[in-house]
Structure formats: structure tokens, C-alpha cells
Amino acid sequence: METQARPQRVKAAVSALCKIPLLLLLLYLFVCSLDILSSAFQLAGGRVAGDIFQQNTILFNPVAGLVVGILVTVLVQSSSTSTSITVSLVSSGLLDVQSAIPIIMGSNIGTSVTNTIVALTQAGDREQFERAFAGATVHDCFNWLSVLVLLPLEAASGLLRRLSQAAVDSLQLSTGDEAPELLKVLTEPLTKRIIQLDKSVITALATGDQSVRNKSLVKHWCHITTTEVLVQYNMMLLVFHSLECCRHLFVNCSLSDVAIGLILLACSLLVMCSCLILLVKLLNSLMKGQVASAINKVINTDFPYPFSWLAGYLALVVGAGMTFLLQSSSVFTSAITPLIGIGVISIKRAYPLTLGSNLGTTTTAILAALASPGDKLAAATQVALCHFFFNLLGILLWYPIPATRLPIRMACALGKCTARYRWFAVLYLLLCFLLLPSFVFALSMAGWKAMTGTGVPVMMVIISVATINMLQARRPECLPLGLQNWDFLPCWMTSLRPLDNLITRVTLCCRRQRANDGCVMSLEDNTINLEKPIKEKWKHKSWQKQRGLGKPRHCENNNCNMGAGLSIKKNTHTDNQDTQLSSTYF
């Protein structure tokens, strides 16, 4: 037996070693696709982002500044780009630091959309999707909760502005070297062959420079070579500047920036999703049995008592260090999302890794600010420090005490909801990162009266519902009899089931219409598809009669719920029985 088992172990080891280079290749392509995705968003929405920033009179409203930070970061898919634009506005005097702080908070929220999109690629398996979506949205929940606490505090007291100003005054600032770009050394040989952007155009648009209004974001001239020639006869110094044409796919393309952006967006999303699917399959094949248990033990195990609390802080430091090396929090959080989905990293351990990633990306911004020219150094450093203090205070609010780790519970609830109703993930993305910020931005354009008249009642309703829910769960006797549950409300106000049923009906109708329009099915196929569920139904009924079972729960007083009969009828006309979105009872 041992002689037979030994070749099998050797074969398994060789197979695992061959998969590791493929795993690294897929990870490299995944990171490159994220870089191209960011460039695509900048091409498609960079001008819009610049025009939004140009409306600097609106940005003095803290709520409007927060929404602008979210929308611009979602449009360009880069918090560093939106932060650099904000720094340019502050250093040029068009915006003060107090108005820039809400924009920084918004960019912190907007950058978390990338790993939420990555989690959608694991929607095929409900358990993996639940874990992956929870691991992705824990970043969103942390950022939203931090903003809900720190934005009113900043508007009332100027806490972040005072802290950053004190830090800047205490430092002996001098311009330094550029921030290290360790990851770009690996990715730029490939990404520069595909597309190169002139990001200064977006910044110029934001500062109101109309000379670049018709200039393309695609970079055409890359290197400028300067040659100095001294003419001895006239003792003149002649300076010649020579330009070198860029070498990428779209350098001589006649398409518009939006068209190029959409092409790159489609291609990068395709590559990213393909790499993620293959990465998940490879990780699943590699991390089985003893390997998976060993990795779980190393990553998710706490230190012995009384030092068990140190494991989370060590994970926080690891997240900050990895993000500093990668120079991108989106890349790091997107890379660990598939690992959370397959169960290698628990949500409890992913939370401090994500918080550390938030801190790591701010240190990169600080180094980039220190590389600014002398006239922009103080403003750039203060804005970068505001970003750092915002994340640091958020960690102090939502991590040290276990009872305050609300983002974990909120993310787990979102994961369970998306595992049951998969369409909720798309609704969540649209609502939190597009529709809600756009609605608040429209209210801010209407003025303080409209925002106050709409926002105050909404906040009062949210606080009241949260308080009643807490009392219903813990102290129901303190509530009146009618408020001890929500049974008096319509079903659509307390459950997603009615909306799920509506989406199910629309999906089934669309499939039936498509089948009638584009498919010609034979009579034999129809007979087979129709007979099978009917036979199974009568077999189930006869089995119930033989076993002496009663009627289903949805039948009362010899009258069955019509929704169940309608659902059975729909099932008989559906080709694929496993693609239903919800329960069959309406």
C-alpha cells in the first residue's frame, strides 16, 4: 500500500508545483487588468470628474463634497487620482482644507467599489458568494460608519483639520524623492504597451484651465529630450527639444476618449473576470485537505491567552505593509476577496486586513505629498494627513472593542441577503455608489433648505426604525403591543420576497418570450419537458397519501394558495428547473 501511495503523492506534489506558476501568471494578469480598468474609467469619465470638481462653489457644502468624492472616485476607479485633484485645488487656492476633507472621505468610500465588483464573479456558488460579498462589503460598512460619525464631528469642530495642521506645523517639511512605485515596476511593461494616459488633463480641467478642453487624455508624446548647443561665434546657447512618440495600442487611434475607454472597460472586465474564475478554481484545487487546514490554521488562529488580541493587530500591520508595497488598497482587497470566498481567510481576519489596507494607502499618499514642490508641499501634506487621521480615528472607533465591530455584523447580514437574493448585489452597487450619491448631490444643488427638509425626516425614520428593531430583539416588553413586531406593515416593507417574486415573474416571462421568438422546439421535446414535472408531482402526491401526510402548509380550509399553483404551472413551462431565483410560494 505504501509503495502505491508514494507515486500518487509524488504526482500530486508535481501537479501542485506546476499550478503555482500558472497561479502567479493569473494574479499578474489580474493586477494588470485592474490597472487597465482604472485607465478605462478615467477615459470614459475623467472629463466628467474634472467638470464636477470645477464646480468648487458647491464643494463648500460638506455633504456635497462627500458625494463628489464618491462619484469621482467611482468614475475614475482611483482614490489616488481624486486625492491628487483635491490636493491641486487646495494648493492653487481654489479650495480650502476644510472643504477638501469631505472629498477625501468620499474618495475613501468610492475606492471600495472595486472589490465589491470582484465579489460578483463568485455568484455561481451561494456559500462562496455569501463569504466573498461579506468580505468585500466589510470595507464599505467601515467607511460608511466612519463617515456618519466623523463628518458631523468635523463640520462641528474641525477635528481632522486641526490635527493635520498641528502635525504639519510640528514637522520640518522639505521636498523629497518621489513615492516608490514597486508594483508598477512589474505591471508597467505590459500596461504601457496597451494604454498611457495624461492625467494632468483631468487636474487642469478641475482647476478651470480651458486650454485643455479639447485635449485628449491619451498620451501621444512620452519623452522629451533636451539638447544644448553652444554657438562659439555668437556665444549663444541654443536649446533643442525633441519629442519621442509613445508606443501603445491607441497612440494613433482616431477614436474618441469615451470610445477607447469603453473598449478598454469591456476587455479589462473580461480579463479580470476570467482570471478571477480561474484563480478561484486553482486555489480550490491547491488548497484541499491538509493544505487548506494548515493555511486556515496559520491565518485564522489567534495567539494563546492572554495575547489572543494581538493576532488582529498583527493582521492590521500586515494589511498596511502589503498595501504599501502594492501601492493600491483596491489591488490588495480585491486579491483577498476570492480567498475569503473559498474560506481560506475568515471574515473575522479579513476585517483587520482591510483596515490595515486603509492605513497603508494613506502612507503612500503622504510620501507622494512629500514629493510635491515647495509651494504645494504644506497643502498636499495636510490633505494627506487628513486622510490618514480619518482612517486612524475610524479604526479606533470600530475595532479595539469587540462590541463596536459593527461592520462585521453588517457585512455578514449583507452576505446572507445576497446569497438568498443574488440580484440584491447589483441593487446594492447601484444604490450605494450611484443612485444615492446622485440623489444627495441633486439635493445639495437645490440648497440647504431642500437638503434639510428631506434629510432630517429620513434620518429620523432610520434612527427610529433602528431603535425599535433593537428593542424588539432585546426588550420587547418595553414597546406597545402593536410595535413588538412588524406584522402590521405590508409585506413589501418588511421583506424582499415580493420584489424577488416580481423579478422571478419578469425573468420567466422574458424566457418564454425569447423561446417563442427565437426557438422552434419539437413536439417530442415539449412532451418530455412537460411530462416529467407532472409525473413527479403525482408521484409526490401519491407518496403523501400513502404516508398519511396532511396538506401543505400553504393550504388552509381546503383552499390552496393560488400562488403555489401558479408557480407549479410556471415550472412546467421552464426548461431549466435549477435557475429559479426564489421560493415557489407567493
Foldseek 3Di string as FASTA:
>chain_A
DVVVVVVVVVVLVVVLVVVVVVLVVLLLLLVLLLVLLLLLLCLQCLLVLLQLLQVLVLLQPLLLLLLSLLQSCLSNLDLLLQLVLLLLCCLVPVDPLLSNLSSNLNVQLNNLVLLLVLLLLPLVDLLLSLQLQLLSCLSNVLSVVLCVPVVVVCVVPVVLLVVLVVVLVVDPADADDAFDQQQCVSNVVPNQQAFDFDSVLSSCSSNPNCVCVPPHRTDFWDDKDWDWDQDPVVRDIDIDIDTDTGRYDCNPPPDGSSVSSVVSNVVSVVSNSVSSVVSLVSCVSNCDDPNLVVLLCVQVPADDPPRRVVSLVVLLQVLLVVCLNNLGLSSVSNVCSSVSSVPSHDSVNSSSSSLSNQLNNLVSQQSNLSNDDPSSNSSSNSSSSSSNVSSVVSCVQQPPDVVRVVSSVVSSVVSVVCSQFVVVSVVCSCCPSPVVSVVLSVQSVVHDVSCCVPVVVVVVVVVVVVVLVVCLVPPLVVDPPVSNDDPVDDPVVPDCVVVLVVVQVVVLVVVVVCCVPPNDDDPVVLVVLQPVLVVVVVVVVVVCVVVVHDDDPQDDPNRHDVQLVVLSVSCSVDPDNPPGSHDSHD
